């Protein structure tokens, strides 16, 4: 329960920051996060296929 409260508090802080940041910065930060998550997903998918084969 404490984790959920902390996550919601952090989300509120981040959304508040994004609301005051310039649009170009928000879009750039979102793109960086999306690329990072994409790379992570591809690496995890490769790791799972490799471990399932053995």
Protein backbone atom coordinates (compact mmCIF):
# COMPACT_ATOMS: atom_id res chain seq x y z
CA UNK A 1 0.00 0.00 0.00
CA UNK A 2 2.84 2.36 0.81
CA UNK A 3 4.36 1.64 -2.60
CA UNK A 4 1.13 2.74 -4.32
CA UNK A 5 1.02 5.96 -2.32
CA UNK A 6 4.67 6.71 -3.14
CA UNK A 7 4.08 5.95 -6.84
CA UNK A 8 1.06 8.27 -6.97
CA UNK A 9 2.99 11.01 -5.21
CA UNK A 10 5.88 10.67 -7.66
CA UNK A 11 3.45 10.66 -10.60
CA UNK A 12 1.90 13.89 -9.33
CA UNK A 13 5.29 15.55 -9.03
CA UNK A 14 6.34 14.44 -12.51
CA UNK A 15 3.07 15.53 -14.12
CA UNK A 16 3.31 18.85 -12.34
CA UNK A 17 6.83 19.32 -13.71
CA UNK A 18 5.77 18.40 -17.23
CA UNK A 19 2.92 20.89 -17.08
CA UNK A 20 5.40 23.71 -16.47
CA UNK A 21 8.10 22.52 -18.88
CA UNK A 22 8.17 23.65 -22.51
CA UNK A 23 6.37 21.38 -24.97
CA UNK A 24 9.55 20.59 -26.92
CA UNK A 25 11.27 19.40 -23.75
CA UNK A 26 8.31 17.24 -22.79
CA UNK A 27 8.17 15.64 -26.24
CA UNK A 28 11.93 15.05 -26.27
CA UNK A 29 11.87 13.50 -22.81
CA UNK A 30 8.93 11.29 -23.81
CA UNK A 31 10.79 10.15 -26.92
CA UNK A 32 13.90 9.29 -24.90
CA UNK A 33 11.83 7.28 -22.44
CA UNK A 34 9.99 5.48 -25.27
CA UNK A 35 13.28 4.51 -26.95
CA UNK A 36 14.71 3.33 -23.64
CA UNK A 37 11.64 1.18 -22.96
CA UNK A 38 11.78 -0.21 -26.51
CA UNK A 39 15.44 -1.19 -26.14
CA UNK A 40 14.68 -2.78 -22.77
CA UNK A 41 11.77 -4.77 -24.23
CA UNK A 42 13.89 -6.05 -27.13
CA UNK A 43 16.70 -7.09 -24.78
CA UNK A 44 14.31 -8.86 -22.42
CA UNK A 45 12.61 -10.67 -25.29
CA UNK A 46 16.00 -11.90 -26.51
CA UNK A 47 17.01 -12.97 -23.02
CA UNK A 48 13.79 -14.96 -22.51
CA UNK A 49 14.17 -16.77 -25.82
CA UNK A 50 17.76 -17.60 -24.99
CA UNK A 51 16.92 -18.99 -21.53
CA UNK A 52 13.92 -21.00 -22.78
CA UNK A 53 16.03 -22.77 -25.41
CA UNK A 54 18.33 -24.25 -22.74
